[in-house]
Amino acid sequence: ENPSTNSLTRAIGYEIGIRSRPWTWSELLATFWLLDLGSELVFVGDEGTTEPRGKTRRLGTEFSSRITPVEWLTIRGDITYTHAEFRKTGDSVPLAPQFTAFSSVTARLPIGLSGTLQMLTVGSRAGTEDNSVKLEPFTIFDLVLRYKIPVKPPSGRLEAFFSIRNLTDTD
């Protein structure tokens, strides 16, 4: 058996960023990053499997914010932009999105109940290496309800939750 088929590919990454808390109720982050992968697994639709292709490089930026305007309410937002390409050819990495965004609003009640409405957007992305096929962007909404059970275990906490994923039934 070939040991290279059972091992993870080498990844080298660099990241530089800044975090700021301009007010006690807010946090802002900005990051620039680079990731080199020794091999990329690419989905082969005709065969319904993946296969290793060449080395890739991703360059990206991310901006995040978290705001707590009142003690019981948290609003979060993240936006990323990524450029992904094969290092030898400069071709696109199939299925690698250029733009993603995540946001959520969480409300917490003093009785231990909280609810979160969250949104994930994945922008259009290359469907093929030559970028001749573009995949449609999509947005998914989720709803998560949590209840902290008022029992003190030896460590951690007990929590029950209920979630509805893909609340709007996005294809």
C-alpha atoms as a PDB file:
ATOM      1  CA  GLU A   1       0.000   0.000   0.000  1.00  0.00           C
ATOM      2  CA  ASN A   2       1.296   3.447  -0.923  1.00  0.00           C
ATOM      3  CA  PRO A   3       1.742   5.515   2.276  1.00  0.00           C
ATOM      4  CA  SER A   4       1.250   8.804   0.406  1.00  0.00           C
ATOM      5  CA  THR A   5      -2.407   7.919  -0.271  1.00  0.00           C
ATOM      6  CA  ASN A   6      -3.085   7.777   3.472  1.00  0.00           C
ATOM      7  CA  SER A   7      -1.307  10.955   4.542  1.00  0.00           C
ATOM      8  CA  LEU A   8      -2.386  14.553   4.528  1.00  0.00           C
ATOM      9  CA  THR A   9      -0.870  16.911   2.003  1.00  0.00           C
ATOM     10  CA  ARG A  10       1.580  19.537   3.171  1.00  0.00           C
ATOM     11  CA  ALA A  11       0.059  22.939   3.868  1.00  0.00           C
ATOM     12  CA  ILE A  12       1.968  26.127   4.588  1.00  0.00           C
ATOM     13  CA  GLY A  13       0.043  29.191   5.662  1.00  0.00           C
ATOM     14  CA  TYR A  14       0.740  32.779   6.646  1.00  0.00           C
ATOM     15  CA  GLU A  15      -1.609  35.243   8.266  1.00  0.00           C
ATOM     16  CA  ILE A  16      -1.367  38.812   9.431  1.00  0.00           C
ATOM     17  CA  GLY A  17      -4.173  40.787  10.932  1.00  0.00           C
ATOM     18  CA  ILE A  18      -5.393  43.370  13.337  1.00  0.00           C
ATOM     19  CA  ARG A  19      -8.034  43.214  16.045  1.00  0.00           C
ATOM     20  CA  SER A  20      -9.562  46.272  17.604  1.00  0.00           C
ATOM     21  CA  ARG A  21     -12.060  46.945  20.365  1.00  0.00           C
ATOM     22  CA  PRO A  22     -12.930  50.579  19.725  1.00  0.00           C
ATOM     23  CA  TRP A  23     -15.773  50.372  22.255  1.00  0.00           C
ATOM     24  CA  THR A  24     -16.486  47.820  24.992  1.00  0.00           C
ATOM     25  CA  TRP A  25     -19.494  46.552  23.021  1.00  0.00           C
ATOM     26  CA  SER A  26     -17.669  45.921  19.722  1.00  0.00           C
ATOM     27  CA  GLU A  27     -14.807  43.968  18.178  1.00  0.00           C
ATOM     28  CA  LEU A  28     -13.427  44.443  14.649  1.00  0.00           C
ATOM     29  CA  LEU A  29     -10.923  42.209  12.835  1.00  0.00           C
ATOM     30  CA  ALA A  30      -9.132  42.412   9.489  1.00  0.00           C
ATOM     31  CA  THR A  31      -6.866  39.647   8.205  1.00  0.00           C
ATOM     32  CA  PHE A  32      -4.775  38.967   5.111  1.00  0.00           C
ATOM     33  CA  TRP A  33      -3.676  35.373   4.586  1.00  0.00           C
ATOM     34  CA  LEU A  34      -1.941  32.998   2.173  1.00  0.00           C
ATOM     35  CA  LEU A  35      -2.214  29.198   2.028  1.00  0.00           C
ATOM     36  CA  ASP A  36      -0.113  26.882  -0.153  1.00  0.00           C
ATOM     37  CA  LEU A  37      -1.267  23.267  -0.490  1.00  0.00           C
ATOM     38  CA  GLY A  38       1.011  20.519  -1.790  1.00  0.00           C
ATOM     39  CA  SER A  39      -1.931  18.895  -3.611  1.00  0.00           C
ATOM     40  CA  GLU A  40      -5.598  19.720  -4.144  1.00  0.00           C
ATOM     41  CA  LEU A  41      -8.438  17.195  -4.121  1.00  0.00           C
ATOM     42  CA  VAL A  42     -10.789  18.095  -6.972  1.00  0.00           C
ATOM     43  CA  PHE A  43     -14.300  16.684  -7.379  1.00  0.00           C
ATOM     44  CA  VAL A  44     -14.778  14.642 -10.578  1.00  0.00           C
ATOM     45  CA  GLY A  45     -18.495  14.860 -11.315  1.00  0.00           C
ATOM     46  CA  ASP A  46     -18.597  12.151 -14.002  1.00  0.00           C
ATOM     47  CA  GLU A  47     -17.161   9.630 -11.557  1.00  0.00           C
ATOM     48  CA  GLY A  48     -18.691  11.007  -8.343  1.00  0.00           C
ATOM     49  CA  THR A  49     -15.328  10.997  -6.581  1.00  0.00           C
ATOM     50  CA  THR A  50     -12.316  13.214  -5.969  1.00  0.00           C
ATOM     51  CA  GLU A  51      -8.815  13.028  -7.349  1.00  0.00           C
ATOM     52  CA  PRO A  52      -5.583  14.791  -6.433  1.00  0.00           C
ATOM     53  CA  ARG A  53      -4.440  17.526  -8.812  1.00  0.00           C
ATOM     54  CA  GLY A  54      -1.483  19.878  -8.506  1.00  0.00           C
ATOM     55  CA  LYS A  55      -0.269  22.385  -5.949  1.00  0.00           C
ATOM     56  CA  THR A  56      -2.543  25.326  -5.196  1.00  0.00           C
ATOM     57  CA  ARG A  57      -2.290  28.750  -3.634  1.00  0.00           C
ATOM     58  CA  ARG A  58      -5.014  30.738  -1.963  1.00  0.00           C
ATOM     59  CA  LEU A  59      -4.723  34.428  -1.116  1.00  0.00           C
ATOM     60  CA  GLY A  60      -7.466  35.996   0.909  1.00  0.00           C
ATOM     61  CA  THR A  61      -8.775  38.728   3.109  1.00  0.00           C
ATOM     62  CA  GLU A  62     -11.302  38.503   5.893  1.00  0.00           C
ATOM     63  CA  PHE A  63     -13.197  41.200   7.746  1.00  0.00           C
ATOM     64  CA  SER A  64     -15.172  40.405  10.899  1.00  0.00           C
ATOM     65  CA  SER A  65     -17.184  42.301  13.434  1.00  0.00           C
ATOM     66  CA  ARG A  66     -19.016  41.429  16.602  1.00  0.00           C
ATOM     67  CA  ILE A  67     -21.311  43.946  18.227  1.00  0.00           C
ATOM     68  CA  THR A  68     -23.159  43.587  21.526  1.00  0.00           C
ATOM     69  CA  PRO A  69     -25.305  46.738  21.710  1.00  0.00           C
ATOM     70  CA  VAL A  70     -27.123  45.412  24.803  1.00  0.00           C
ATOM     71  CA  GLU A  71     -26.136  42.567  27.132  1.00  0.00           C
ATOM     72  CA  TRP A  72     -28.654  40.094  25.709  1.00  0.00           C
ATOM     73  CA  LEU A  73     -28.067  40.739  21.973  1.00  0.00           C
ATOM     74  CA  THR A  74     -25.046  39.892  19.795  1.00  0.00           C
ATOM     75  CA  ILE A  75     -24.704  40.698  16.095  1.00  0.00           C
ATOM     76  CA  ARG A  76     -21.876  39.125  14.125  1.00  0.00           C
ATOM     77  CA  GLY A  77     -20.687  39.478  10.548  1.00  0.00           C
ATOM     78  CA  ASP A  78     -17.822  37.983   8.518  1.00  0.00           C
ATOM     79  CA  ILE A  79     -16.902  38.650   4.888  1.00  0.00           C
ATOM     80  CA  THR A  80     -14.111  36.870   3.017  1.00  0.00           C
ATOM     81  CA  TYR A  81     -12.598  37.233  -0.428  1.00  0.00           C
ATOM     82  CA  THR A  82     -10.310  34.458  -1.704  1.00  0.00           C
ATOM     83  CA  HIS A  83      -8.342  33.956  -4.909  1.00  0.00           C
ATOM     84  CA  ALA A  84      -7.523  30.255  -5.454  1.00  0.00           C
ATOM     85  CA  GLU A  85      -5.436  28.906  -8.323  1.00  0.00           C
ATOM     86  CA  PHE A  86      -3.233  26.010  -9.365  1.00  0.00           C
ATOM     87  CA  ARG A  87       0.378  27.120  -9.008  1.00  0.00           C
ATOM     88  CA  LYS A  88       1.784  25.683 -12.256  1.00  0.00           C
ATOM     89  CA  THR A  89      -1.016  26.636 -14.648  1.00  0.00           C
ATOM     90  CA  GLY A  90      -2.795  29.538 -12.967  1.00  0.00           C
ATOM     91  CA  ASP A  91      -6.112  27.728 -13.592  1.00  0.00           C
ATOM     92  CA  SER A  92      -9.014  28.134 -11.188  1.00  0.00           C
ATOM     93  CA  VAL A  93      -9.597  25.658  -8.371  1.00  0.00           C
ATOM     94  CA  PRO A  94     -13.067  24.185  -9.050  1.00  0.00           C
ATOM     95  CA  LEU A  95     -15.679  24.802  -6.342  1.00  0.00           C
ATOM     96  CA  ALA A  96     -13.451  27.273  -4.446  1.00  0.00           C
ATOM     97  CA  PRO A  97     -15.645  30.315  -3.744  1.00  0.00           C
ATOM     98  CA  GLN A  98     -14.225  33.810  -4.183  1.00  0.00           C
ATOM     99  CA  PHE A  99     -16.704  35.452  -1.830  1.00  0.00           C
ATOM    100  CA  THR A 100     -18.335  34.159   1.341  1.00  0.00           C
ATOM    101  CA  ALA A 101     -20.283  35.946   4.031  1.00  0.00           C
ATOM    102  CA  PHE A 102     -21.696  34.843   7.374  1.00  0.00           C
ATOM    103  CA  SER A 103     -23.861  36.832   9.723  1.00  0.00           C
ATOM    104  CA  SER A 104     -25.892  36.048  12.805  1.00  0.00           C
ATOM    105  CA  VAL A 105     -28.116  37.659  15.378  1.00  0.00           C
ATOM    106  CA  THR A 106     -28.323  36.002  18.798  1.00  0.00           C
ATOM    107  CA  ALA A 107     -30.782  36.957  21.545  1.00  0.00           C
ATOM    108  CA  ARG A 108     -30.351  35.539  25.059  1.00  0.00           C
ATOM    109  CA  LEU A 109     -33.013  35.486  27.767  1.00  0.00           C
ATOM    110  CA  PRO A 110     -32.076  35.330  31.491  1.00  0.00           C
ATOM    111  CA  ILE A 111     -33.953  32.032  31.913  1.00  0.00           C
ATOM    112  CA  GLY A 112     -31.253  30.224  29.851  1.00  0.00           C
ATOM    113  CA  LEU A 113     -33.025  30.321  26.489  1.00  0.00           C
ATOM    114  CA  SER A 114     -31.314  31.781  23.421  1.00  0.00           C
ATOM    115  CA  GLY A 115     -32.089  31.963  19.735  1.00  0.00           C
ATOM    116  CA  THR A 116     -29.819  32.557  16.752  1.00  0.00           C
ATOM    117  CA  LEU A 117     -30.762  33.388  13.197  1.00  0.00           C
ATOM    118  CA  GLN A 118     -27.752  32.960  10.933  1.00  0.00           C
ATOM    119  CA  MET A 119     -27.065  33.443   7.249  1.00  0.00           C
ATOM    120  CA  LEU A 120     -24.346  31.934   5.055  1.00  0.00           C
ATOM    121  CA  THR A 121     -23.716  33.217   1.530  1.00  0.00           C
ATOM    122  CA  VAL A 122     -21.376  31.472  -0.888  1.00  0.00           C
ATOM    123  CA  GLY A 123     -20.668  33.493  -4.015  1.00  0.00           C
ATOM    124  CA  SER A 124     -20.291  32.203  -7.538  1.00  0.00           C
ATOM    125  CA  ARG A 125     -17.325  29.945  -8.103  1.00  0.00           C
ATOM    126  CA  ALA A 126     -15.565  28.122 -10.901  1.00  0.00           C
ATOM    127  CA  GLY A 127     -17.118  24.793 -11.820  1.00  0.00           C
ATOM    128  CA  THR A 128     -14.141  23.849 -13.983  1.00  0.00           C
ATOM    129  CA  GLU A 129     -10.434  24.641 -13.999  1.00  0.00           C
ATOM    130  CA  ASP A 130     -10.694  26.794 -17.151  1.00  0.00           C
ATOM    131  CA  ASN A 131     -13.524  28.802 -15.519  1.00  0.00           C
ATOM    132  CA  SER A 132     -15.820  28.113 -18.492  1.00  0.00           C
ATOM    133  CA  VAL A 133     -18.562  26.934 -16.113  1.00  0.00           C
ATOM    134  CA  LYS A 134     -19.625  29.200 -13.238  1.00  0.00           C
ATOM    135  CA  LEU A 135     -21.704  27.839 -10.365  1.00  0.00           C
ATOM    136  CA  GLU A 136     -24.526  29.960  -9.001  1.00  0.00           C
ATOM    137  CA  PRO A 137     -24.189  31.732  -5.660  1.00  0.00           C
ATOM    138  CA  PHE A 138     -26.489  30.702  -2.825  1.00  0.00           C
ATOM    139  CA  THR A 139     -27.617  31.883   0.589  1.00  0.00           C
ATOM    140  CA  ILE A 140     -28.792  29.647   3.429  1.00  0.00           C
ATOM    141  CA  PHE A 141     -30.554  30.703   6.633  1.00  0.00           C
ATOM    142  CA  ASP A 142     -30.533  28.615   9.823  1.00  0.00           C
ATOM    143  CA  LEU A 143     -32.431  28.996  13.086  1.00  0.00           C
ATOM    144  CA  VAL A 144     -30.965  27.567  16.302  1.00  0.00           C
ATOM    145  CA  LEU A 145     -32.713  27.594  19.693  1.00  0.00           C
ATOM    146  CA  ARG A 146     -30.751  26.623  22.819  1.00  0.00           C
ATOM    147  CA  TYR A 147     -31.657  26.075  26.446  1.00  0.00           C
ATOM    148  CA  LYS A 148     -29.083  25.852  29.240  1.00  0.00           C
ATOM    149  CA  ILE A 149     -30.408  23.145  31.542  1.00  0.00           C
ATOM    150  CA  PRO A 150     -30.181  24.370  35.160  1.00  0.00           C
ATOM    151  CA  VAL A 151     -28.184  21.363  36.390  1.00  0.00           C
ATOM    152  CA  LYS A 152     -24.542  21.667  37.440  1.00  0.00           C
ATOM    153  CA  PRO A 153     -22.538  18.713  36.029  1.00  0.00           C
ATOM    154  CA  PRO A 154     -18.990  18.047  37.332  1.00  0.00           C
ATOM    155  CA  SER A 155     -17.603  20.036  34.392  1.00  0.00           C
ATOM    156  CA  GLY A 156     -19.055  22.060  31.524  1.00  0.00           C
ATOM    157  CA  ARG A 157     -22.780  22.568  31.213  1.00  0.00           C
ATOM    158  CA  LEU A 158     -25.848  20.770  29.916  1.00  0.00           C
ATOM    159  CA  GLU A 159     -27.638  22.290  26.972  1.00  0.00           C
ATOM    160  CA  ALA A 160     -30.557  21.234  24.793  1.00  0.00           C
ATOM    161  CA  PHE A 161     -30.934  22.652  21.338  1.00  0.00           C
ATOM    162  CA  PHE A 162     -33.270  22.608  18.373  1.00  0.00           C
ATOM    163  CA  SER A 163     -32.224  23.731  14.928  1.00  0.00           C
ATOM    164  CA  ILE A 164     -33.805  24.207  11.547  1.00  0.00           C
ATOM    165  CA  ARG A 165     -31.145  24.162   8.866  1.00  0.00           C
ATOM    166  CA  ASN A 166     -31.802  25.772   5.489  1.00  0.00           C
ATOM    167  CA  LEU A 167     -34.862  27.561   6.839  1.00  0.00           C
ATOM    168  CA  THR A 168     -35.851  28.944   3.397  1.00  0.00           C
ATOM    169  CA  ASP A 169     -35.317  25.590   1.579  1.00  0.00           C
ATOM    170  CA  THR A 170     -32.605  26.912  -0.744  1.00  0.00           C
ATOM    171  CA  ASP A 171     -31.557  24.501  -3.506  1.00  0.00           C
END
